[in-house]
C-alpha atoms as a PDB file:
ATOM      1  CA  MET A   1    -113.866   7.688 125.290  1.00  0.00           C
ATOM      2  CA  LEU A   2    -111.405  10.239 123.934  1.00  0.00           C
ATOM      3  CA  ALA A   3    -112.602   9.512 120.407  1.00  0.00           C
ATOM      4  CA  ALA A   4    -116.201  10.074 121.529  1.00  0.00           C
ATOM      5  CA  VAL A   5    -115.286  13.390 123.165  1.00  0.00           C
ATOM      6  CA  ALA A   6    -113.347  14.468 120.068  1.00  0.00           C
ATOM      7  CA  LEU A   7    -116.237  13.539 117.765  1.00  0.00           C
ATOM      8  CA  ASN A   8    -118.730  15.378 119.944  1.00  0.00           C
ATOM      9  CA  LEU A   9    -116.449  18.432 120.111  1.00  0.00           C
ATOM     10  CA  ALA A  10    -116.036  18.421 116.327  1.00  0.00           C
ATOM     11  CA  ASN A  11    -119.808  18.298 115.948  1.00  0.00           C
ATOM     12  CA  ILE A  12    -120.283  21.196 118.376  1.00  0.00           C
ATOM     13  CA  ILE A  13    -117.662  23.338 116.645  1.00  0.00           C
ATOM     14  CA  GLY A  14    -119.064  22.459 113.231  1.00  0.00           C
ATOM     15  CA  ARG A  15    -122.602  23.284 114.287  1.00  0.00           C
ATOM     16  CA  TYR A  16    -122.007  26.570 116.124  1.00  0.00           C
ATOM     17  CA  VAL A  17    -118.950  27.951 114.323  1.00  0.00           C
ATOM     18  CA  PHE A  18    -119.373  26.794 110.724  1.00  0.00           C
ATOM     19  CA  GLY A  19    -123.125  26.182 110.587  1.00  0.00           C
ATOM     20  CA  TRP A  20    -122.947  22.503 109.614  1.00  0.00           C
ATOM     21  CA  ALA A  21    -123.275  19.323 111.637  1.00  0.00           C
ATOM     22  CA  ILE A  22    -121.981  15.797 111.434  1.00  0.00           C
ATOM     23  CA  VAL A  23    -125.318  14.038 111.009  1.00  0.00           C
ATOM     24  CA  TRP A  24    -124.226  10.612 112.238  1.00  0.00           C
ATOM     25  CA  THR A  25    -122.485  11.807 115.428  1.00  0.00           C
ATOM     26  CA  GLU A  26    -125.285  11.095 117.883  1.00  0.00           C
ATOM     27  CA  VAL A  27    -126.006   7.652 116.468  1.00  0.00           C
ATOM     28  CA  ILE A  28    -122.359   6.635 116.630  1.00  0.00           C
ATOM     29  CA  LEU A  29    -121.995   8.013 120.161  1.00  0.00           C
ATOM     30  CA  VAL A  30    -124.992   5.984 121.320  1.00  0.00           C
ATOM     31  CA  VAL A  31    -123.546   2.824 119.745  1.00  0.00           C
ATOM     32  CA  TRP A  32    -120.147   3.478 121.368  1.00  0.00           C
ATOM     33  CA  LEU A  33    -121.828   4.088 124.709  1.00  0.00           C
ATOM     34  CA  GLY A  34    -123.779   0.852 124.399  1.00  0.00           C
ATOM     35  CA  TRP A  35    -120.647  -1.137 123.656  1.00  0.00           C
ATOM     36  CA  SER A  36    -118.797   0.551 126.546  1.00  0.00           C
ATOM     37  CA  VAL A  37    -121.577  -0.188 129.012  1.00  0.00           C
ATOM     38  CA  PHE A  38    -122.027  -3.820 128.044  1.00  0.00           C
ATOM     39  CA  ILE A  39    -118.303  -4.561 128.007  1.00  0.00           C
ATOM     40  CA  GLY A  40    -118.173  -2.867 131.413  1.00  0.00           C
ATOM     41  CA  VAL A  41    -120.919  -5.216 132.625  1.00  0.00           C
ATOM     42  CA  MET A  42    -118.610  -8.136 131.930  1.00  0.00           C
ATOM     43  CA  ILE A  43    -115.822  -6.569 134.002  1.00  0.00           C
ATOM     44  CA  VAL A  44    -118.188  -5.785 136.867  1.00  0.00           C
ATOM     45  CA  THR A  45    -119.507  -9.352 136.805  1.00  0.00           C
ATOM     46  CA  TYR A  46    -116.014 -10.843 136.831  1.00  0.00           C
ATOM     47  CA  ARG A  47    -115.040  -8.700 139.823  1.00  0.00           C
ATOM     48  CA  ASN A  48    -118.419  -9.295 141.536  1.00  0.00           C
ATOM     49  CA  GLN A  49    -118.845  -5.556 142.019  1.00  0.00           C
ATOM     50  CA  HIS A  50    -122.413  -5.203 140.815  1.00  0.00           C
ATOM     51  CA  LEU A  51    -124.951  -3.509 143.043  1.00  0.00           C
ATOM     52  CA  ALA A  52    -126.232  -5.806 145.740  1.00  0.00           C
ATOM     53  CA  MET A  53    -128.577  -5.622 148.669  1.00  0.00           C
ATOM     54  CA  ASP A  54    -126.356  -7.706 150.934  1.00  0.00           C
ATOM     55  CA  LEU A  55    -127.256  -6.521 154.422  1.00  0.00           C
ATOM     56  CA  PHE A  56    -128.473 -10.012 155.306  1.00  0.00           C
ATOM     57  CA  SER A  57    -126.118 -12.111 153.181  1.00  0.00           C
ATOM     58  CA  ALA A  58    -122.973 -10.275 154.330  1.00  0.00           C
ATOM     59  CA  SER A  59    -123.638 -11.436 157.893  1.00  0.00           C
ATOM     60  CA  LEU A  60    -123.798 -15.112 156.926  1.00  0.00           C
ATOM     61  CA  ARG A  61    -120.830 -17.379 157.698  1.00  0.00           C
ATOM     62  CA  GLY A  62    -119.874 -20.928 156.818  1.00  0.00           C
ATOM     63  CA  TRP A  63    -122.132 -23.197 154.799  1.00  0.00           C
ATOM     64  CA  PRO A  64    -125.165 -20.853 154.894  1.00  0.00           C
ATOM     65  CA  ARG A  65    -123.077 -18.195 153.153  1.00  0.00           C
ATOM     66  CA  ALA A  66    -121.789 -20.678 150.563  1.00  0.00           C
ATOM     67  CA  LEU A  67    -125.362 -21.889 149.983  1.00  0.00           C
ATOM     68  CA  ASN A  68    -126.613 -18.308 149.596  1.00  0.00           C
ATOM     69  CA  ASN A  69    -123.773 -17.490 147.195  1.00  0.00           C
ATOM     70  CA  ALA A  70    -124.442 -20.659 145.185  1.00  0.00           C
ATOM     71  CA  LEU A  71    -128.111 -19.727 144.908  1.00  0.00           C
ATOM     72  CA  MET A  72    -127.233 -16.174 143.815  1.00  0.00           C
ATOM     73  CA  PHE A  73    -124.753 -17.618 141.307  1.00  0.00           C
ATOM     74  CA  ALA A  74    -127.380 -19.957 139.859  1.00  0.00           C
ATOM     75  CA  VAL A  75    -129.984 -17.200 139.558  1.00  0.00           C
ATOM     76  CA  LEU A  76    -127.511 -14.772 137.965  1.00  0.00           C
ATOM     77  CA  ALA A  77    -126.193 -17.411 135.558  1.00  0.00           C
ATOM     78  CA  GLY A  78    -129.738 -18.382 134.606  1.00  0.00           C
ATOM     79  CA  CYS A  79    -130.789 -14.770 134.034  1.00  0.00           C
ATOM     80  CA  LEU A  80    -127.666 -14.009 131.977  1.00  0.00           C
ATOM     81  CA  GLY A  81    -128.106 -17.158 129.896  1.00  0.00           C
ATOM     82  CA  TYR A  82    -131.780 -16.485 129.246  1.00  0.00           C
ATOM     83  CA  ALA A  83    -131.183 -12.817 128.403  1.00  0.00           C
ATOM     84  CA  ALA A  84    -128.271 -13.730 126.096  1.00  0.00           C
ATOM     85  CA  PHE A  85    -130.446 -16.306 124.326  1.00  0.00           C
ATOM     86  CA  GLN A  86    -133.239 -13.769 123.800  1.00  0.00           C
ATOM     87  CA  SER A  87    -130.721 -11.147 122.678  1.00  0.00           C
ATOM     88  CA  SER A  88    -129.292 -13.575 120.114  1.00  0.00           C
ATOM     89  CA  LYS A  89    -132.781 -13.952 118.654  1.00  0.00           C
ATOM     90  CA  VAL A  90    -133.050 -10.168 118.295  1.00  0.00           C
ATOM     91  CA  VAL A  91    -129.624  -9.917 116.617  1.00  0.00           C
ATOM     92  CA  MET A  92    -130.532 -12.724 114.218  1.00  0.00           C
ATOM     93  CA  LEU A  93    -133.830 -10.994 113.422  1.00  0.00           C
ATOM     94  CA  MET A  94    -132.000  -7.720 112.733  1.00  0.00           C
ATOM     95  CA  LEU A  95    -129.552  -9.528 110.444  1.00  0.00           C
ATOM     96  CA  LYS A  96    -132.340 -11.408 108.653  1.00  0.00           C
ATOM     97  CA  THR A  97    -134.490  -8.341 108.023  1.00  0.00           C
ATOM     98  CA  GLY A  98    -131.575  -5.986 107.322  1.00  0.00           C
ATOM     99  CA  GLN A  99    -132.999  -3.249 109.494  1.00  0.00           C
ATOM    100  CA  ALA A 100    -131.023  -0.021 109.515  1.00  0.00           C
ATOM    101  CA  HIS A 101    -131.138   3.296 111.336  1.00  0.00           C
ATOM    102  CA  PRO A 102    -133.508   5.590 109.433  1.00  0.00           C
ATOM    103  CA  SER A 103    -131.258   8.662 109.365  1.00  0.00           C
ATOM    104  CA  ILE A 104    -127.868   7.203 108.498  1.00  0.00           C
ATOM    105  CA  GLY A 105    -128.520   3.667 107.309  1.00  0.00           C
ATOM    106  CA  HIS A 106    -126.371   2.130 110.072  1.00  0.00           C
ATOM    107  CA  PRO A 107    -127.326  -1.547 110.545  1.00  0.00           C
ATOM    108  CA  LEU A 108    -129.274  -2.051 113.768  1.00  0.00           C
ATOM    109  CA  TRP A 109    -127.726  -5.429 114.531  1.00  0.00           C
ATOM    110  CA  VAL A 110    -124.478  -3.665 115.587  1.00  0.00           C
ATOM    111  CA  PRO A 111    -125.839  -1.966 118.735  1.00  0.00           C
ATOM    112  CA  ASN A 112    -127.918  -5.041 119.523  1.00  0.00           C
ATOM    113  CA  LEU A 113    -124.808  -7.186 119.222  1.00  0.00           C
ATOM    114  CA  ALA A 114    -123.310  -5.110 122.054  1.00  0.00           C
ATOM    115  CA  ILE A 115    -126.069  -6.348 124.347  1.00  0.00           C
ATOM    116  CA  LEU A 116    -125.541  -9.954 123.295  1.00  0.00           C
ATOM    117  CA  ALA A 117    -121.759  -9.686 123.655  1.00  0.00           C
ATOM    118  CA  GLY A 118    -122.012  -8.083 127.081  1.00  0.00           C
ATOM    119  CA  LEU A 119    -124.437 -10.702 128.371  1.00  0.00           C
ATOM    120  CA  ALA A 120    -122.513 -13.646 126.913  1.00  0.00           C
ATOM    121  CA  LEU A 121    -119.167 -12.333 128.160  1.00  0.00           C
ATOM    122  CA  SER A 122    -120.694 -11.684 131.586  1.00  0.00           C
ATOM    123  CA  LEU A 123    -121.901 -15.274 131.703  1.00  0.00           C
ATOM    124  CA  CYS A 124    -118.415 -16.471 130.734  1.00  0.00           C
ATOM    125  CA  ALA A 125    -116.847 -14.243 133.399  1.00  0.00           C
ATOM    126  CA  LEU A 126    -119.281 -15.561 135.993  1.00  0.00           C
ATOM    127  CA  LEU A 127    -118.565 -19.176 135.063  1.00  0.00           C
ATOM    128  CA  ALA A 128    -114.808 -18.523 135.118  1.00  0.00           C
ATOM    129  CA  SER A 129    -115.029 -17.247 138.687  1.00  0.00           C
ATOM    130  CA  VAL A 130    -117.554 -19.742 140.073  1.00  0.00           C
ATOM    131  CA  ARG A 131    -115.364 -20.998 142.929  1.00  0.00           C
ATOM    132  CA  ALA A 132    -114.389 -17.536 144.085  1.00  0.00           C
ATOM    133  CA  TYR A 133    -117.988 -16.353 143.716  1.00  0.00           C
ATOM    134  CA  ILE A 134    -119.438 -19.121 145.868  1.00  0.00           C
ATOM    135  CA  ALA A 135    -116.631 -18.844 148.428  1.00  0.00           C
ATOM    136  CA  GLY A 136    -117.324 -15.095 148.658  1.00  0.00           C
ATOM    137  CA  ARG A 137    -113.777 -14.081 147.734  1.00  0.00           C
ATOM    138  CA  ARG A 138    -114.965 -11.767 144.974  1.00  0.00           C
END
């Protein structure tokens, strides 16, 4: 994040003080932000701290709670797996066609790989914490 702030500051100073801009700054900042968000998704999934509407499920105890948590686990794992699979198809398409950002020529598979990595790592984190997830300890 400090590198992103420094790059943005350098671009601001360059633009308003010296009259020139670092053309690729905004593209790189968006890519960095994408990677930060999707790596953060993995951490949130591992800690089970994602947003939830749990007014009903928080009041459950015993086997109904475990059943509810198992169902939520299965749905989340299925959604993550499906989204990761679809994202892999997009990354492969970007690699195959060699698409690049029009202004700086940056390959478009790099930001799309952030989505795939975040989804796949989130699925791995979810699978690694399956017992704690179903037991409601996370």
